Amino acid sequence: MAEYDMQEMTLPNEEGKRVLFPRMRLWGQTELEELAERISYASSFTKGDIVGLVRALSDSIAAEMAMGRSVKIEGIGIFTPALGLRKGKERETGEEGESKRNAMSICLKDINFKADKEFIRNTARRCTLERSKHKFRRSQQKYTPEERLKLAQEYLTAHSYMTVADYSRLTGLLHVTAARELVRLAQEEGSGIGSTGKWSHKVYVAKPVANP
């Protein structure tokens, strides 16, 4: 079951006119390791086989796009490379006498993805929606990153572990933002925060800080 809420949007070129549009509420992000484990459980492939195959597919798609080709994966969609200017480089105006942007000024900036229609239909068939009881809100920024780290350290001094929900309540960050920040802190040397467990069972614990 997925949840949605109606979010307000201002219409372009119509000052003061507002409409509501539906937006799905996301409660986290599923990563490759978890997908591979689920697929492995329902098939004859090992988790390692699946992870290795997906990574090999990713490398092959990147290589094809680097040669100037779009890549179509049946049932998923089409990947297309998109170019942009490097930081600090100005766009060409096409005016006579203006200097041209050379290859050193241009780089691959993004990858556009267009979902296969069957992929969309497959997702829609599985999706049952209900209206969320919670309103969308932005992460509160009443604490600086340094203050949030201190709050987390103090919490772990008094408790044996901390969940993402605990950190979200402490700092006012949205759940997804709180989860990302905790992952970063757990990987950061000297933060005093580590992690244990995986996916929905992952929690954060105090980690000794090495002496310089």
C-alpha atoms as a PDB file:
ATOM      1  CA  MET A   1       0.000   0.000   0.000  1.00  0.00           C
ATOM      2  CA  ALA A   2       1.392   3.395  -1.030  1.00  0.00           C
ATOM      3  CA  GLU A   3       0.272   6.766   0.297  1.00  0.00           C
ATOM      4  CA  TYR A   4      -0.326  10.064  -1.472  1.00  0.00           C
ATOM      5  CA  ASP A   5      -1.154  13.604  -0.497  1.00  0.00           C
ATOM      6  CA  MET A   6      -2.378  16.640  -2.423  1.00  0.00           C
ATOM      7  CA  GLN A   7       0.297  19.305  -2.724  1.00  0.00           C
ATOM      8  CA  GLU A   8      -0.223  22.933  -3.704  1.00  0.00           C
ATOM      9  CA  MET A   9       1.311  24.321  -6.889  1.00  0.00           C
ATOM     10  CA  THR A  10       1.208  27.819  -8.367  1.00  0.00           C
ATOM     11  CA  LEU A  11       0.300  27.838 -12.047  1.00  0.00           C
ATOM     12  CA  PRO A  12       2.869  29.571 -14.320  1.00  0.00           C
ATOM     13  CA  ASN A  13       1.873  32.968 -15.691  1.00  0.00           C
ATOM     14  CA  GLU A  14      -1.279  33.026 -13.543  1.00  0.00           C
ATOM     15  CA  GLU A  15      -0.364  35.027 -10.472  1.00  0.00           C
ATOM     16  CA  GLY A  16      -2.073  33.881  -7.301  1.00  0.00           C
ATOM     17  CA  LYS A  17      -3.890  30.938  -8.925  1.00  0.00           C
ATOM     18  CA  ARG A  18      -3.168  27.663  -7.158  1.00  0.00           C
ATOM     19  CA  VAL A  19      -4.096  24.045  -7.830  1.00  0.00           C
ATOM     20  CA  LEU A  20      -3.548  20.808  -5.946  1.00  0.00           C
ATOM     21  CA  PHE A  21      -1.819  17.816  -7.513  1.00  0.00           C
ATOM     22  CA  PRO A  22      -1.251  14.296  -6.139  1.00  0.00           C
ATOM     23  CA  ARG A  23       2.220  13.343  -4.941  1.00  0.00           C
ATOM     24  CA  MET A  24       3.279   9.932  -3.664  1.00  0.00           C
ATOM     25  CA  ARG A  25       4.825   9.841  -0.194  1.00  0.00           C
ATOM     26  CA  LEU A  26       8.187   8.058  -0.256  1.00  0.00           C
ATOM     27  CA  TRP A  27       9.318   6.294   2.908  1.00  0.00           C
ATOM     28  CA  GLY A  28      12.863   5.426   1.939  1.00  0.00           C
ATOM     29  CA  GLN A  29      14.964   3.976  -0.841  1.00  0.00           C
ATOM     30  CA  THR A  30      15.515   0.327  -1.771  1.00  0.00           C
ATOM     31  CA  GLU A  31      19.103  -0.449  -2.803  1.00  0.00           C
ATOM     32  CA  LEU A  32      20.638  -3.097  -5.058  1.00  0.00           C
ATOM     33  CA  GLU A  33      21.699  -5.407  -2.220  1.00  0.00           C
ATOM     34  CA  GLU A  34      18.134  -5.682  -0.928  1.00  0.00           C
ATOM     35  CA  LEU A  35      16.667  -6.193  -4.414  1.00  0.00           C
ATOM     36  CA  ALA A  36      19.255  -8.882  -5.134  1.00  0.00           C
ATOM     37  CA  GLU A  37      18.369 -10.708  -1.923  1.00  0.00           C
ATOM     38  CA  ARG A  38      14.665 -10.684  -2.786  1.00  0.00           C
ATOM     39  CA  ILE A  39      15.253 -11.892  -6.356  1.00  0.00           C
ATOM     40  CA  SER A  40      17.627 -14.600  -5.126  1.00  0.00           C
ATOM     41  CA  TYR A  41      15.006 -15.874  -2.677  1.00  0.00           C
ATOM     42  CA  ALA A  42      12.485 -16.332  -5.515  1.00  0.00           C
ATOM     43  CA  SER A  43      14.885 -17.707  -8.164  1.00  0.00           C
ATOM     44  CA  SER A  44      17.842 -20.027  -8.741  1.00  0.00           C
ATOM     45  CA  PHE A  45      20.287 -17.101  -8.957  1.00  0.00           C
ATOM     46  CA  THR A  46      22.550 -16.291  -6.050  1.00  0.00           C
ATOM     47  CA  LYS A  47      22.613 -12.802  -4.571  1.00  0.00           C
ATOM     48  CA  GLY A  48      26.200 -12.396  -5.830  1.00  0.00           C
ATOM     49  CA  ASP A  49      25.172 -13.437  -9.373  1.00  0.00           C
ATOM     50  CA  ILE A  50      22.446 -10.781  -9.438  1.00  0.00           C
ATOM     51  CA  VAL A  51      24.623  -7.983  -8.021  1.00  0.00           C
ATOM     52  CA  GLY A  52      27.426  -8.858 -10.438  1.00  0.00           C
ATOM     53  CA  LEU A  53      25.084  -8.944 -13.432  1.00  0.00           C
ATOM     54  CA  VAL A  54      23.486  -5.585 -12.598  1.00  0.00           C
ATOM     55  CA  ARG A  55      26.897  -3.961 -12.165  1.00  0.00           C
ATOM     56  CA  ALA A  56      28.092  -5.430 -15.455  1.00  0.00           C
ATOM     57  CA  LEU A  57      24.931  -4.134 -17.138  1.00  0.00           C
ATOM     58  CA  SER A  58      25.526  -0.682 -15.630  1.00  0.00           C
ATOM     59  CA  ASP A  59      29.100  -0.637 -16.971  1.00  0.00           C
ATOM     60  CA  SER A  60      27.939  -1.744 -20.436  1.00  0.00           C
ATOM     61  CA  ILE A  61      25.214   0.922 -20.587  1.00  0.00           C
ATOM     62  CA  ALA A  62      27.767   3.581 -19.560  1.00  0.00           C
ATOM     63  CA  ALA A  63      30.203   2.416 -22.257  1.00  0.00           C
ATOM     64  CA  GLU A  64      27.537   2.567 -24.978  1.00  0.00           C
ATOM     65  CA  MET A  65      26.370   6.057 -23.963  1.00  0.00           C
ATOM     66  CA  ALA A  66      29.984   7.258 -23.814  1.00  0.00           C
ATOM     67  CA  MET A  67      30.197   6.395 -27.537  1.00  0.00           C
ATOM     68  CA  GLY A  68      27.150   8.513 -28.339  1.00  0.00           C
ATOM     69  CA  ARG A  69      24.391   5.916 -28.271  1.00  0.00           C
ATOM     70  CA  SER A  70      21.127   5.749 -26.352  1.00  0.00           C
ATOM     71  CA  VAL A  71      20.427   2.399 -24.702  1.00  0.00           C
ATOM     72  CA  LYS A  72      17.030   0.673 -24.632  1.00  0.00           C
ATOM     73  CA  ILE A  73      16.344  -2.038 -22.043  1.00  0.00           C
ATOM     74  CA  GLU A  74      13.128  -3.826 -22.959  1.00  0.00           C
ATOM     75  CA  GLY A  75      10.592  -3.588 -20.157  1.00  0.00           C
ATOM     76  CA  ILE A  76      12.508  -0.835 -18.339  1.00  0.00           C
ATOM     77  CA  GLY A  77      13.165   2.115 -20.644  1.00  0.00           C
ATOM     78  CA  ILE A  78      15.612   4.193 -22.664  1.00  0.00           C
ATOM     79  CA  PHE A  79      18.777   5.845 -21.277  1.00  0.00           C
ATOM     80  CA  THR A  80      20.107   8.879 -23.165  1.00  0.00           C
ATOM     81  CA  PRO A  81      23.271  10.901 -22.371  1.00  0.00           C
ATOM     82  CA  ALA A  82      22.835  14.659 -21.910  1.00  0.00           C
ATOM     83  CA  LEU A  83      25.612  17.235 -22.292  1.00  0.00           C
ATOM     84  CA  GLY A  84      26.237  20.551 -20.572  1.00  0.00           C
ATOM     85  CA  LEU A  85      28.936  23.172 -20.068  1.00  0.00           C
ATOM     86  CA  ARG A  86      31.629  22.815 -17.456  1.00  0.00           C
ATOM     87  CA  LYS A  87      31.430  25.069 -14.410  1.00  0.00           C
ATOM     88  CA  GLY A  88      32.395  28.648 -15.197  1.00  0.00           C
ATOM     89  CA  LYS A  89      31.947  28.304 -18.962  1.00  0.00           C
ATOM     90  CA  GLU A  90      29.484  30.636 -20.701  1.00  0.00           C
ATOM     91  CA  ARG A  91      26.937  29.524 -23.280  1.00  0.00           C
ATOM     92  CA  GLU A  92      27.381  30.370 -26.958  1.00  0.00           C
ATOM     93  CA  THR A  93      24.978  32.976 -28.307  1.00  0.00           C
ATOM     94  CA  GLY A  94      25.622  32.222 -31.970  1.00  0.00           C
ATOM     95  CA  GLU A  95      26.590  35.835 -32.647  1.00  0.00           C
ATOM     96  CA  GLU A  96      29.141  36.521 -35.331  1.00  0.00           C
ATOM     97  CA  GLY A  97      32.698  36.772 -34.070  1.00  0.00           C
ATOM     98  CA  GLU A  98      31.963  35.169 -30.720  1.00  0.00           C
ATOM     99  CA  SER A  99      34.377  32.483 -29.548  1.00  0.00           C
ATOM    100  CA  LYS A 100      33.074  28.926 -29.802  1.00  0.00           C
ATOM    101  CA  ARG A 101      32.920  26.419 -26.972  1.00  0.00           C
ATOM    102  CA  ASN A 102      35.377  23.612 -27.635  1.00  0.00           C
ATOM    103  CA  ALA A 103      35.264  20.019 -26.370  1.00  0.00           C
ATOM    104  CA  MET A 104      37.201  20.979 -23.221  1.00  0.00           C
ATOM    105  CA  SER A 105      34.321  23.274 -22.225  1.00  0.00           C
ATOM    106  CA  ILE A 106      31.674  20.566 -22.581  1.00  0.00           C
ATOM    107  CA  CYS A 107      30.995  17.490 -20.474  1.00  0.00           C
ATOM    108  CA  LEU A 108      28.349  14.869 -19.820  1.00  0.00           C
ATOM    109  CA  LYS A 109      26.077  16.459 -17.197  1.00  0.00           C
ATOM    110  CA  ASP A 110      23.234  14.010 -16.803  1.00  0.00           C
ATOM    111  CA  ILE A 111      21.518  10.878 -18.089  1.00  0.00           C
ATOM    112  CA  ASN A 112      17.909  11.176 -19.178  1.00  0.00           C
ATOM    113  CA  PHE A 113      15.613   8.218 -18.651  1.00  0.00           C
ATOM    114  CA  LYS A 114      12.287   7.537 -20.373  1.00  0.00           C
ATOM    115  CA  ALA A 115      10.379   4.675 -18.783  1.00  0.00           C
ATOM    116  CA  ASP A 116       9.012   1.888 -21.005  1.00  0.00           C
ATOM    117  CA  LYS A 117       5.193   2.034 -21.169  1.00  0.00           C
ATOM    118  CA  GLU A 118       4.928  -1.577 -20.023  1.00  0.00           C
ATOM    119  CA  PHE A 119       7.167  -0.753 -17.042  1.00  0.00           C
ATOM    120  CA  ILE A 120       4.734   2.028 -16.090  1.00  0.00           C
ATOM    121  CA  ARG A 121       1.705  -0.248 -16.569  1.00  0.00           C
ATOM    122  CA  ASN A 122       3.352  -3.013 -14.508  1.00  0.00           C
ATOM    123  CA  THR A 123       4.015  -0.559 -11.660  1.00  0.00           C
ATOM    124  CA  ALA A 124       0.475   0.848 -11.883  1.00  0.00           C
ATOM    125  CA  ARG A 125      -1.075  -2.650 -11.707  1.00  0.00           C
ATOM    126  CA  ARG A 126       0.750  -3.309  -8.433  1.00  0.00           C
ATOM    127  CA  CYS A 127       0.094   0.115  -6.896  1.00  0.00           C
ATOM    128  CA  THR A 128      -2.801   0.532  -4.451  1.00  0.00           C
ATOM    129  CA  LEU A 129      -3.103   4.052  -3.078  1.00  0.00           C
ATOM    130  CA  GLU A 130      -4.625   5.600   0.008  1.00  0.00           C
ATOM    131  CA  ARG A 131      -4.578   9.214   1.124  1.00  0.00           C
ATOM    132  CA  SER A 132      -1.875   9.911   3.695  1.00  0.00           C
ATOM    133  CA  LYS A 133      -2.863  11.066   7.152  1.00  0.00           C
ATOM    134  CA  HIS A 134       0.351  13.117   7.274  1.00  0.00           C
ATOM    135  CA  LYS A 135       0.963  16.374   5.449  1.00  0.00           C
ATOM    136  CA  PHE A 136       4.090  16.922   3.384  1.00  0.00           C
ATOM    137  CA  ARG A 137       6.579  19.104   5.195  1.00  0.00           C
ATOM    138  CA  ARG A 138      10.089  20.362   4.575  1.00  0.00           C
ATOM    139  CA  SER A 139      13.055  19.443   6.718  1.00  0.00           C
ATOM    140  CA  GLN A 140      13.498  21.974   9.480  1.00  0.00           C
ATOM    141  CA  GLN A 141      16.840  23.752   9.470  1.00  0.00           C
ATOM    142  CA  LYS A 142      16.816  25.024  13.065  1.00  0.00           C
ATOM    143  CA  TYR A 143      20.092  23.169  13.767  1.00  0.00           C
ATOM    144  CA  THR A 144      23.391  23.413  11.908  1.00  0.00           C
ATOM    145  CA  PRO A 145      25.104  20.167  10.788  1.00  0.00           C
ATOM    146  CA  GLU A 146      27.534  20.536  13.713  1.00  0.00           C
ATOM    147  CA  GLU A 147      24.644  20.944  16.168  1.00  0.00           C
ATOM    148  CA  ARG A 148      22.864  17.901  14.740  1.00  0.00           C
ATOM    149  CA  LEU A 149      26.021  15.813  15.148  1.00  0.00           C
ATOM    150  CA  LYS A 150      26.300  16.932  18.775  1.00  0.00           C
ATOM    151  CA  LEU A 151      22.646  16.008  19.390  1.00  0.00           C
ATOM    152  CA  ALA A 152      23.268  12.542  17.937  1.00  0.00           C
ATOM    153  CA  GLN A 153      26.413  12.033  20.025  1.00  0.00           C
ATOM    154  CA  GLU A 154      24.596  13.087  23.212  1.00  0.00           C
ATOM    155  CA  TYR A 155      21.692  10.778  22.403  1.00  0.00           C
ATOM    156  CA  LEU A 156      24.062   7.818  21.963  1.00  0.00           C
ATOM    157  CA  THR A 157      25.714   8.646  25.272  1.00  0.00           C
ATOM    158  CA  ALA A 158      22.359   8.037  26.969  1.00  0.00           C
ATOM    159  CA  HIS A 159      21.057   5.237  24.723  1.00  0.00           C
ATOM    160  CA  SER A 160      22.576   2.041  23.354  1.00  0.00           C
ATOM    161  CA  TYR A 161      21.475   2.754  19.786  1.00  0.00           C
ATOM    162  CA  MET A 162      19.616   5.280  17.647  1.00  0.00           C
ATOM    163  CA  THR A 163      17.170   4.709  14.756  1.00  0.00           C
ATOM    164  CA  VAL A 164      16.541   7.005  11.801  1.00  0.00           C
ATOM    165  CA  ALA A 165      13.190   7.903  13.387  1.00  0.00           C
ATOM    166  CA  ASP A 166      14.988   8.912  16.599  1.00  0.00           C
ATOM    167  CA  TYR A 167      17.373  11.174  14.641  1.00  0.00           C
ATOM    168  CA  SER A 168      14.485  12.644  12.665  1.00  0.00           C
ATOM    169  CA  ARG A 169      12.672  13.589  15.880  1.00  0.00           C
ATOM    170  CA  LEU A 170      15.847  15.000  17.441  1.00  0.00           C
ATOM    171  CA  THR A 171      16.795  17.229  14.530  1.00  0.00           C
ATOM    172  CA  GLY A 172      13.525  18.003  12.737  1.00  0.00           C
ATOM    173  CA  LEU A 173      14.856  16.520   9.471  1.00  0.00           C
ATOM    174  CA  LEU A 174      12.502  14.554   7.239  1.00  0.00           C
ATOM    175  CA  HIS A 175      12.930  10.784   7.488  1.00  0.00           C
ATOM    176  CA  VAL A 176      14.673  10.419   4.105  1.00  0.00           C
ATOM    177  CA  THR A 177      17.000  13.374   4.780  1.00  0.00           C
ATOM    178  CA  ALA A 178      17.771  12.049   8.260  1.00  0.00           C
ATOM    179  CA  ALA A 179      18.598   8.595   6.837  1.00  0.00           C
ATOM    180  CA  ARG A 180      21.009  10.047   4.273  1.00  0.00           C
ATOM    181  CA  GLU A 181      22.744  12.201   6.851  1.00  0.00           C
ATOM    182  CA  LEU A 182      23.196   9.264   9.242  1.00  0.00           C
ATOM    183  CA  VAL A 183      24.725   7.137   6.469  1.00  0.00           C
ATOM    184  CA  ARG A 184      27.194   9.953   5.776  1.00  0.00           C
ATOM    185  CA  LEU A 185      28.027  10.401   9.469  1.00  0.00           C
ATOM    186  CA  ALA A 186      28.598   6.674   9.932  1.00  0.00           C
ATOM    187  CA  GLN A 187      31.135   6.763   7.070  1.00  0.00           C
ATOM    188  CA  GLU A 188      32.849   9.905   8.321  1.00  0.00           C
ATOM    189  CA  GLU A 189      36.027   9.490  10.332  1.00  0.00           C
ATOM    190  CA  GLY A 190      35.852  11.174  13.724  1.00  0.00           C
ATOM    191  CA  SER A 191      32.047  11.497  13.854  1.00  0.00           C
ATOM    192  CA  GLY A 192      31.802   9.080  16.775  1.00  0.00           C
ATOM    193  CA  ILE A 193      28.884   7.348  15.053  1.00  0.00           C
ATOM    194  CA  GLY A 194      28.837   3.867  13.543  1.00  0.00           C
ATOM    195  CA  SER A 195      26.137   1.542  12.281  1.00  0.00           C
ATOM    196  CA  THR A 196      25.096  -2.072  12.649  1.00  0.00           C
ATOM    197  CA  GLY A 197      22.484  -4.239  10.929  1.00  0.00           C
ATOM    198  CA  LYS A 198      21.042  -3.930   7.426  1.00  0.00           C
ATOM    199  CA  TRP A 199      18.106  -2.213   5.711  1.00  0.00           C
ATOM    200  CA  SER A 200      15.059  -1.990   7.999  1.00  0.00           C
ATOM    201  CA  HIS A 201      17.102  -3.461  10.897  1.00  0.00           C
ATOM    202  CA  LYS A 202      19.915  -0.917  10.574  1.00  0.00           C
ATOM    203  CA  VAL A 203      20.606   1.167  13.689  1.00  0.00           C
ATOM    204  CA  TYR A 204      23.318   3.637  14.673  1.00  0.00           C
ATOM    205  CA  VAL A 205      25.651   3.231  17.633  1.00  0.00           C
ATOM    206  CA  ALA A 206      28.445   5.129  19.339  1.00  0.00           C
ATOM    207  CA  LYS A 207      31.848   4.514  17.750  1.00  0.00           C
ATOM    208  CA  PRO A 208      35.130   5.229  19.518  1.00  0.00           C
ATOM    209  CA  VAL A 209      37.027   8.145  18.013  1.00  0.00           C
ATOM    210  CA  ALA A 210      40.612   7.258  17.193  1.00  0.00           C
ATOM    211  CA  ASN A 211      43.268   9.417  18.830  1.00  0.00           C
ATOM    212  CA  PRO A 212      45.276  11.523  16.347  1.00  0.00           C
END
